Amino acid sequence: MHLVKTSITLPDDLLLEARSMSRNVSGLITEALREYIRQRKVQKALESFGSWKGREGDSVDLVNNLRTEEGRDYVGRTH
């Protein structure tokens, strides 16, 4: 994993609390950010459930129709 040094701005009280929990504030922020991103991905996936609901036709047919729009004939490929 490649590390990049960056600068962020935090409220004083948040930084003080982070320092009281860990001597490695960068590690703590990294852990918190990874968890936040994981939760957002889960939330996005949950929000997408049912997005095909109410549409007519089989989902495979819908996807194939989308793929053939604008001259992009992915369905008819021979290779």
PDB file of N, CA and C in Angstrom:
ATOM      1  N   MET A   1       0.842  -1.163   0.000  1.00  0.00           N
ATOM      2  CA  MET A   1       0.000   0.000   0.000  1.00  0.00           C
ATOM      3  C   MET A   1       0.895   1.235   0.000  1.00  0.00           C
ATOM      4  N   HIS A   2       0.613   2.121  -0.926  1.00  0.00           N
ATOM      5  CA  HIS A   2       1.358   3.374  -1.036  1.00  0.00           C
ATOM      6  C   HIS A   2       0.701   4.422  -0.144  1.00  0.00           C
ATOM      7  N   LEU A   3       1.478   5.073   0.683  1.00  0.00           N
ATOM      8  CA  LEU A   3       0.950   6.110   1.570  1.00  0.00           C
ATOM      9  C   LEU A   3       1.211   7.486   0.970  1.00  0.00           C
ATOM     10  N   VAL A   4       0.260   8.376   1.135  1.00  0.00           N
ATOM     11  CA  VAL A   4       0.377   9.743   0.657  1.00  0.00           C
ATOM     12  C   VAL A   4       0.165  10.669   1.843  1.00  0.00           C
ATOM     13  N   LYS A   5       1.091  11.578   2.026  1.00  0.00           N
ATOM     14  CA  LYS A   5       0.946  12.551   3.109  1.00  0.00           C
ATOM     15  C   LYS A   5       0.010  13.653   2.635  1.00  0.00           C
ATOM     16  N   THR A   6      -0.961  13.977   3.492  1.00  0.00           N
ATOM     17  CA  THR A   6      -1.936  15.006   3.149  1.00  0.00           C
ATOM     18  C   THR A   6      -2.216  15.859   4.380  1.00  0.00           C
ATOM     19  N   SER A   7      -2.849  16.949   4.159  1.00  0.00           N
ATOM     20  CA  SER A   7      -3.194  17.848   5.249  1.00  0.00           C
ATOM     21  C   SER A   7      -4.710  17.964   5.309  1.00  0.00           C
ATOM     22  N   ILE A   8      -5.261  17.817   6.502  1.00  0.00           N
ATOM     23  CA  ILE A   8      -6.704  17.977   6.686  1.00  0.00           C
ATOM     24  C   ILE A   8      -6.946  18.970   7.814  1.00  0.00           C
ATOM     25  N   THR A   9      -8.106  19.536   7.818  1.00  0.00           N
ATOM     26  CA  THR A   9      -8.484  20.488   8.858  1.00  0.00           C
ATOM     27  C   THR A   9      -9.558  19.853   9.728  1.00  0.00           C
ATOM     28  N   LEU A  10      -9.302  19.833  11.042  1.00  0.00           N
ATOM     29  CA  LEU A  10     -10.233  19.244  12.004  1.00  0.00           C
ATOM     30  C   LEU A  10     -10.536  20.250  13.094  1.00  0.00           C
ATOM     31  N   PRO A  11     -11.723  20.180  13.653  1.00  0.00           N
ATOM     32  CA  PRO A  11     -12.014  21.010  14.830  1.00  0.00           C
ATOM     33  C   PRO A  11     -11.102  20.590  15.991  1.00  0.00           C
ATOM     34  N   ASP A  12     -10.704  21.545  16.819  1.00  0.00           N
ATOM     35  CA  ASP A  12      -9.798  21.279  17.941  1.00  0.00           C
ATOM     36  C   ASP A  12     -10.303  20.146  18.832  1.00  0.00           C
ATOM     37  N   ASP A  13     -11.597  20.197  19.182  1.00  0.00           N
ATOM     38  CA  ASP A  13     -12.125  19.201  20.111  1.00  0.00           C
ATOM     39  C   ASP A  13     -12.062  17.786  19.521  1.00  0.00           C
ATOM     40  N   LEU A  14     -12.285  17.665  18.220  1.00  0.00           N
ATOM     41  CA  LEU A  14     -12.224  16.352  17.583  1.00  0.00           C
ATOM     42  C   LEU A  14     -10.796  15.817  17.567  1.00  0.00           C
ATOM     43  N   LEU A  15      -9.838  16.677  17.277  1.00  0.00           N
ATOM     44  CA  LEU A  15      -8.437  16.254  17.282  1.00  0.00           C
ATOM     45  C   LEU A  15      -7.990  15.857  18.691  1.00  0.00           C
ATOM     46  N   LEU A  16      -8.386  16.621  19.685  1.00  0.00           N
ATOM     47  CA  LEU A  16      -8.019  16.283  21.064  1.00  0.00           C
ATOM     48  C   LEU A  16      -8.608  14.932  21.473  1.00  0.00           C
ATOM     49  N   GLU A  17      -9.851  14.688  21.103  1.00  0.00           N
ATOM     50  CA  GLU A  17     -10.477  13.409  21.434  1.00  0.00           C
ATOM     51  C   GLU A  17      -9.801  12.260  20.695  1.00  0.00           C
ATOM     52  N   ALA A  18      -9.446  12.485  19.428  1.00  0.00           N
ATOM     53  CA  ALA A  18      -8.757  11.451  18.653  1.00  0.00           C
ATOM     54  C   ALA A  18      -7.408  11.129  19.281  1.00  0.00           C
ATOM     55  N   ARG A  19      -6.683  12.157  19.705  1.00  0.00           N
ATOM     56  CA  ARG A  19      -5.376  11.938  20.348  1.00  0.00           C
ATOM     57  C   ARG A  19      -5.514  11.217  21.679  1.00  0.00           C
ATOM     58  N   SER A  20      -6.633  11.429  22.371  1.00  0.00           N
ATOM     59  CA  SER A  20      -6.836  10.739  23.646  1.00  0.00           C
ATOM     60  C   SER A  20      -7.141   9.255  23.433  1.00  0.00           C
ATOM     61  N   MET A  21      -7.620   8.907  22.241  1.00  0.00           N
ATOM     62  CA  MET A  21      -7.961   7.515  21.940  1.00  0.00           C
ATOM     63  C   MET A  21      -6.801   6.753  21.309  1.00  0.00           C
ATOM     64  N   SER A  22      -5.917   7.470  20.642  1.00  0.00           N
ATOM     65  CA  SER A  22      -4.830   6.787  19.936  1.00  0.00           C
ATOM     66  C   SER A  22      -3.654   7.731  19.758  1.00  0.00           C
ATOM     67  N   ARG A  23      -2.475   7.160  19.900  1.00  0.00           N
ATOM     68  CA  ARG A  23      -1.268   7.953  19.634  1.00  0.00           C
ATOM     69  C   ARG A  23      -1.062   8.109  18.134  1.00  0.00           C
ATOM     70  N   ASN A  24      -1.676   7.213  17.349  1.00  0.00           N
ATOM     71  CA  ASN A  24      -1.545   7.243  15.898  1.00  0.00           C
ATOM     72  C   ASN A  24      -2.840   7.806  15.298  1.00  0.00           C
ATOM     73  N   VAL A  25      -2.934   9.124  15.230  1.00  0.00           N
ATOM     74  CA  VAL A  25      -4.134   9.777  14.729  1.00  0.00           C
ATOM     75  C   VAL A  25      -4.337   9.455  13.247  1.00  0.00           C
ATOM     76  N   SER A  26      -3.264   9.363  12.475  1.00  0.00           N
ATOM     77  CA  SER A  26      -3.391   9.005  11.056  1.00  0.00           C
ATOM     78  C   SER A  26      -4.014   7.627  10.908  1.00  0.00           C
ATOM     79  N   GLY A  27      -3.574   6.687  11.727  1.00  0.00           N
ATOM     80  CA  GLY A  27      -4.143   5.344  11.689  1.00  0.00           C
ATOM     81  C   GLY A  27      -5.611   5.347  12.080  1.00  0.00           C
ATOM     82  N   LEU A  28      -5.941   6.140  13.090  1.00  0.00           N
ATOM     83  CA  LEU A  28      -7.325   6.246  13.541  1.00  0.00           C
ATOM     84  C   LEU A  28      -8.209   6.840  12.444  1.00  0.00           C
ATOM     85  N   ILE A  29      -7.737   7.886  11.794  1.00  0.00           N
ATOM     86  CA  ILE A  29      -8.496   8.509  10.706  1.00  0.00           C
ATOM     87  C   ILE A  29      -8.624   7.547   9.531  1.00  0.00           C
ATOM     88  N   THR A  30      -7.555   6.815   9.222  1.00  0.00           N
ATOM     89  CA  THR A  30      -7.601   5.831   8.139  1.00  0.00           C
ATOM     90  C   THR A  30      -8.652   4.773   8.427  1.00  0.00           C
ATOM     91  N   GLU A  31      -8.649   4.257   9.644  1.00  0.00           N
ATOM     92  CA  GLU A  31      -9.628   3.241  10.048  1.00  0.00           C
ATOM     93  C   GLU A  31     -11.056   3.790   9.959  1.00  0.00           C
ATOM     94  N   ALA A  32     -11.253   4.997  10.436  1.00  0.00           N
ATOM     95  CA  ALA A  32     -12.585   5.608  10.418  1.00  0.00           C
ATOM     96  C   ALA A  32     -13.060   5.859   8.981  1.00  0.00           C
ATOM     97  N   LEU A  33     -12.152   6.311   8.128  1.00  0.00           N
ATOM     98  CA  LEU A  33     -12.512   6.588   6.742  1.00  0.00           C
ATOM     99  C   LEU A  33     -12.833   5.295   5.987  1.00  0.00           C
ATOM    100  N   ARG A  34     -12.054   4.238   6.240  1.00  0.00           N
ATOM    101  CA  ARG A  34     -12.350   2.941   5.615  1.00  0.00           C
ATOM    102  C   ARG A  34     -13.744   2.455   6.029  1.00  0.00           C
ATOM    103  N   GLU A  35     -14.074   2.589   7.284  1.00  0.00           N
ATOM    104  CA  GLU A  35     -15.377   2.161   7.775  1.00  0.00           C
ATOM    105  C   GLU A  35     -16.492   3.017   7.170  1.00  0.00           C
ATOM    106  N   TYR A  36     -16.281   4.314   7.075  1.00  0.00           N
ATOM    107  CA  TYR A  36     -17.261   5.206   6.477  1.00  0.00           C
ATOM    108  C   TYR A  36     -17.521   4.823   5.018  1.00  0.00           C
ATOM    109  N   ILE A  37     -16.451   4.585   4.264  1.00  0.00           N
ATOM    110  CA  ILE A  37     -16.580   4.208   2.861  1.00  0.00           C
ATOM    111  C   ILE A  37     -17.290   2.865   2.734  1.00  0.00           C
ATOM    112  N   ARG A  38     -16.968   1.915   3.598  1.00  0.00           N
ATOM    113  CA  ARG A  38     -17.633   0.609   3.575  1.00  0.00           C
ATOM    114  C   ARG A  38     -19.134   0.773   3.807  1.00  0.00           C
ATOM    115  N   GLN A  39     -19.489   1.580   4.799  1.00  0.00           N
ATOM    116  CA  GLN A  39     -20.905   1.810   5.105  1.00  0.00           C
ATOM    117  C   GLN A  39     -21.632   2.486   3.946  1.00  0.00           C
ATOM    118  N   ARG A  40     -20.986   3.430   3.293  1.00  0.00           N
ATOM    119  CA  ARG A  40     -21.602   4.119   2.151  1.00  0.00           C
ATOM    120  C   ARG A  40     -21.831   3.150   1.001  1.00  0.00           C
ATOM    121  N   LYS A  41     -20.874   2.236   0.759  1.00  0.00           N
ATOM    122  CA  LYS A  41     -21.043   1.240  -0.301  1.00  0.00           C
ATOM    123  C   LYS A  41     -22.211   0.317   0.009  1.00  0.00           C
ATOM    124  N   VAL A  42     -22.323  -0.097   1.256  1.00  0.00           N
ATOM    125  CA  VAL A  42     -23.442  -0.946   1.669  1.00  0.00           C
ATOM    126  C   VAL A  42     -24.756  -0.190   1.485  1.00  0.00           C
ATOM    127  N   GLN A  43     -24.797   1.063   1.912  1.00  0.00           N
ATOM    128  CA  GLN A  43     -26.004   1.878   1.779  1.00  0.00           C
ATOM    129  C   GLN A  43     -26.396   2.039   0.314  1.00  0.00           C
ATOM    130  N   LYS A  44     -25.403   2.281  -0.536  1.00  0.00           N
ATOM    131  CA  LYS A  44     -25.676   2.439  -1.970  1.00  0.00           C
ATOM    132  C   LYS A  44     -26.244   1.148  -2.553  1.00  0.00           C
ATOM    133  N   ALA A  45     -25.687   0.016  -2.150  1.00  0.00           N
ATOM    134  CA  ALA A  45     -26.191  -1.275  -2.626  1.00  0.00           C
ATOM    135  C   ALA A  45     -27.621  -1.500  -2.150  1.00  0.00           C
ATOM    136  N   LEU A  46     -27.890  -1.184  -0.885  1.00  0.00           N
ATOM    137  CA  LEU A  46     -29.238  -1.355  -0.349  1.00  0.00           C
ATOM    138  C   LEU A  46     -30.246  -0.467  -1.073  1.00  0.00           C
ATOM    139  N   GLU A  47     -29.831   0.743  -1.406  1.00  0.00           N
ATOM    140  CA  GLU A  47     -30.723   1.671  -2.104  1.00  0.00           C
ATOM    141  C   GLU A  47     -31.026   1.211  -3.523  1.00  0.00           C
ATOM    142  N   SER A  48     -30.124   0.420  -4.111  1.00  0.00           N
ATOM    143  CA  SER A  48     -30.340  -0.030  -5.488  1.00  0.00           C
ATOM    144  C   SER A  48     -31.285  -1.224  -5.565  1.00  0.00           C
ATOM    145  N   PHE A  49     -31.508  -1.925  -4.450  1.00  0.00           N
ATOM    146  CA  PHE A  49     -32.428  -3.058  -4.464  1.00  0.00           C
ATOM    147  C   PHE A  49     -33.823  -2.584  -4.856  1.00  0.00           C
ATOM    148  N   GLY A  50     -34.428  -3.326  -5.754  1.00  0.00           N
ATOM    149  CA  GLY A  50     -35.770  -2.988  -6.194  1.00  0.00           C
ATOM    150  C   GLY A  50     -35.818  -1.954  -7.295  1.00  0.00           C
ATOM    151  N   SER A  51     -34.664  -1.500  -7.791  1.00  0.00           N
ATOM    152  CA  SER A  51     -34.677  -0.469  -8.821  1.00  0.00           C
ATOM    153  C   SER A  51     -35.255  -0.975 -10.142  1.00  0.00           C
ATOM    154  N   TRP A  52     -35.268  -2.299 -10.338  1.00  0.00           N
ATOM    155  CA  TRP A  52     -35.870  -2.878 -11.549  1.00  0.00           C
ATOM    156  C   TRP A  52     -37.359  -3.151 -11.338  1.00  0.00           C
ATOM    157  N   LYS A  53     -37.808  -3.016 -10.106  1.00  0.00           N
ATOM    158  CA  LYS A  53     -39.198  -3.311  -9.778  1.00  0.00           C
ATOM    159  C   LYS A  53     -40.133  -2.388 -10.560  1.00  0.00           C
ATOM    160  N   GLY A  54     -41.215  -2.953 -11.043  1.00  0.00           N
ATOM    161  CA  GLY A  54     -42.186  -2.151 -11.764  1.00  0.00           C
ATOM    162  C   GLY A  54     -41.911  -2.020 -13.246  1.00  0.00           C
ATOM    163  N   ARG A  55     -40.789  -2.506 -13.715  1.00  0.00           N
ATOM    164  CA  ARG A  55     -40.487  -2.455 -15.148  1.00  0.00           C
ATOM    165  C   ARG A  55     -41.026  -3.710 -15.813  1.00  0.00           C
ATOM    166  N   GLU A  56     -41.462  -3.528 -17.030  1.00  0.00           N
ATOM    167  CA  GLU A  56     -41.962  -4.674 -17.768  1.00  0.00           C
ATOM    168  C   GLU A  56     -40.796  -5.425 -18.394  1.00  0.00           C
ATOM    169  N   GLY A  57     -40.934  -6.723 -18.512  1.00  0.00           N
ATOM    170  CA  GLY A  57     -39.917  -7.535 -19.170  1.00  0.00           C
ATOM    171  C   GLY A  57     -38.915  -8.108 -18.196  1.00  0.00           C
ATOM    172  N   ASP A  58     -38.194  -9.045 -18.691  1.00  0.00           N
ATOM    173  CA  ASP A  58     -37.154  -9.719 -17.938  1.00  0.00           C
ATOM    174  C   ASP A  58     -35.934  -8.808 -17.819  1.00  0.00           C
ATOM    175  N   SER A  59     -35.238  -8.847 -16.701  1.00  0.00           N
ATOM    176  CA  SER A  59     -34.081  -7.968 -16.505  1.00  0.00           C
ATOM    177  C   SER A  59     -32.997  -8.215 -17.547  1.00  0.00           C
ATOM    178  N   VAL A  60     -32.825  -9.461 -17.982  1.00  0.00           N
ATOM    179  CA  VAL A  60     -31.820  -9.771 -19.004  1.00  0.00           C
ATOM    180  C   VAL A  60     -32.187  -9.076 -20.312  1.00  0.00           C
ATOM    181  N   ASP A  61     -33.471  -9.111 -20.676  1.00  0.00           N
ATOM    182  CA  ASP A  61     -33.922  -8.440 -21.890  1.00  0.00           C
ATOM    183  C   ASP A  61     -33.712  -6.928 -21.796  1.00  0.00           C
ATOM    184  N   LEU A  62     -33.999  -6.359 -20.625  1.00  0.00           N
ATOM    185  CA  LEU A  62     -33.801  -4.915 -20.438  1.00  0.00           C
ATOM    186  C   LEU A  62     -32.339  -4.524 -20.607  1.00  0.00           C
ATOM    187  N   VAL A  63     -31.453  -5.312 -20.017  1.00  0.00           N
ATOM    188  CA  VAL A  63     -30.016  -5.018 -20.127  1.00  0.00           C
ATOM    189  C   VAL A  63     -29.567  -5.160 -21.574  1.00  0.00           C
ATOM    190  N   ASN A  64     -29.997  -6.210 -22.247  1.00  0.00           N
ATOM    191  CA  ASN A  64     -29.619  -6.395 -23.645  1.00  0.00           C
ATOM    192  C   ASN A  64     -30.119  -5.247 -24.520  1.00  0.00           C
ATOM    193  N   ASN A  65     -31.331  -4.765 -24.248  1.00  0.00           N
ATOM    194  CA  ASN A  65     -31.848  -3.616 -24.990  1.00  0.00           C
ATOM    195  C   ASN A  65     -31.006  -2.371 -24.741  1.00  0.00           C
ATOM    196  N   LEU A  66     -30.603  -2.158 -23.510  1.00  0.00           N
ATOM    197  CA  LEU A  66     -29.748  -1.009 -23.200  1.00  0.00           C
ATOM    198  C   LEU A  66     -28.410  -1.118 -23.914  1.00  0.00           C
ATOM    199  N   ARG A  67     -27.874  -2.316 -23.993  1.00  0.00           N
ATOM    200  CA  ARG A  67     -26.572  -2.517 -24.626  1.00  0.00           C
ATOM    201  C   ARG A  67     -26.623  -2.314 -26.136  1.00  0.00           C
ATOM    202  N   THR A  68     -27.769  -2.467 -26.746  1.00  0.00           N
ATOM    203  CA  THR A  68     -27.859  -2.298 -28.196  1.00  0.00           C
ATOM    204  C   THR A  68     -28.214  -0.876 -28.596  1.00  0.00           C
ATOM    205  N   GLU A  69     -28.501  -0.012 -27.643  1.00  0.00           N
ATOM    206  CA  GLU A  69     -28.820   1.380 -27.957  1.00  0.00           C
ATOM    207  C   GLU A  69     -27.613   2.098 -28.530  1.00  0.00           C
ATOM    208  N   GLU A  70     -27.863   3.086 -29.361  1.00  0.00           N
ATOM    209  CA  GLU A  70     -26.836   3.956 -29.939  1.00  0.00           C
ATOM    210  C   GLU A  70     -25.794   3.176 -30.726  1.00  0.00           C
ATOM    211  N   GLY A  71     -26.206   2.106 -31.395  1.00  0.00           N
ATOM    212  CA  GLY A  71     -25.295   1.372 -32.260  1.00  0.00           C
ATOM    213  C   GLY A  71     -24.271   0.526 -31.548  1.00  0.00           C
ATOM    214  N   ARG A  72     -24.417   0.348 -30.271  1.00  0.00           N
ATOM    215  CA  ARG A  72     -23.460  -0.465 -29.510  1.00  0.00           C
ATOM    216  C   ARG A  72     -24.025  -1.870 -29.401  1.00  0.00           C
ATOM    217  N   ASP A  73     -23.791  -2.674 -30.386  1.00  0.00           N
ATOM    218  CA  ASP A  73     -24.378  -4.013 -30.432  1.00  0.00           C
ATOM    219  C   ASP A  73     -23.498  -5.002 -29.691  1.00  0.00           C
ATOM    220  N   TYR A  74     -23.505  -4.929 -28.359  1.00  0.00           N
ATOM    221  CA  TYR A  74     -22.722  -5.853 -27.561  1.00  0.00           C
ATOM    222  C   TYR A  74     -23.316  -7.246 -27.595  1.00  0.00           C
ATOM    223  N   VAL A  75     -24.625  -7.317 -27.749  1.00  0.00           N
ATOM    224  CA  VAL A  75     -25.326  -8.600 -27.721  1.00  0.00           C
ATOM    225  C   VAL A  75     -24.947  -9.463 -28.913  1.00  0.00           C
ATOM    226  N   GLY A  76     -24.802  -8.836 -30.074  1.00  0.00           N
ATOM    227  CA  GLY A  76     -24.552  -9.595 -31.294  1.00  0.00           C
ATOM    228  C   GLY A  76     -23.082  -9.861 -31.580  1.00  0.00           C
ATOM    229  N   ARG A  77     -22.218  -9.656 -30.649  1.00  0.00           N
ATOM    230  CA  ARG A  77     -20.782  -9.892 -30.861  1.00  0.00           C
ATOM    231  C   ARG A  77     -20.518 -11.357 -31.199  1.00  0.00           C
ATOM    232  N   THR A  78     -19.548 -11.545 -32.050  1.00  0.00           N
ATOM    233  CA  THR A  78     -19.169 -12.918 -32.398  1.00  0.00           C
ATOM    234  C   THR A  78     -17.824 -13.289 -31.817  1.00  0.00           C
ATOM    235  N   HIS A  79     -17.135 -12.352 -31.198  1.00  0.00           N
ATOM    236  CA  HIS A  79     -15.835 -12.665 -30.592  1.00  0.00           C
ATOM    237  C   HIS A  79     -15.878 -12.591 -29.095  1.00  0.00           C
TER     238      HIS A  79
END
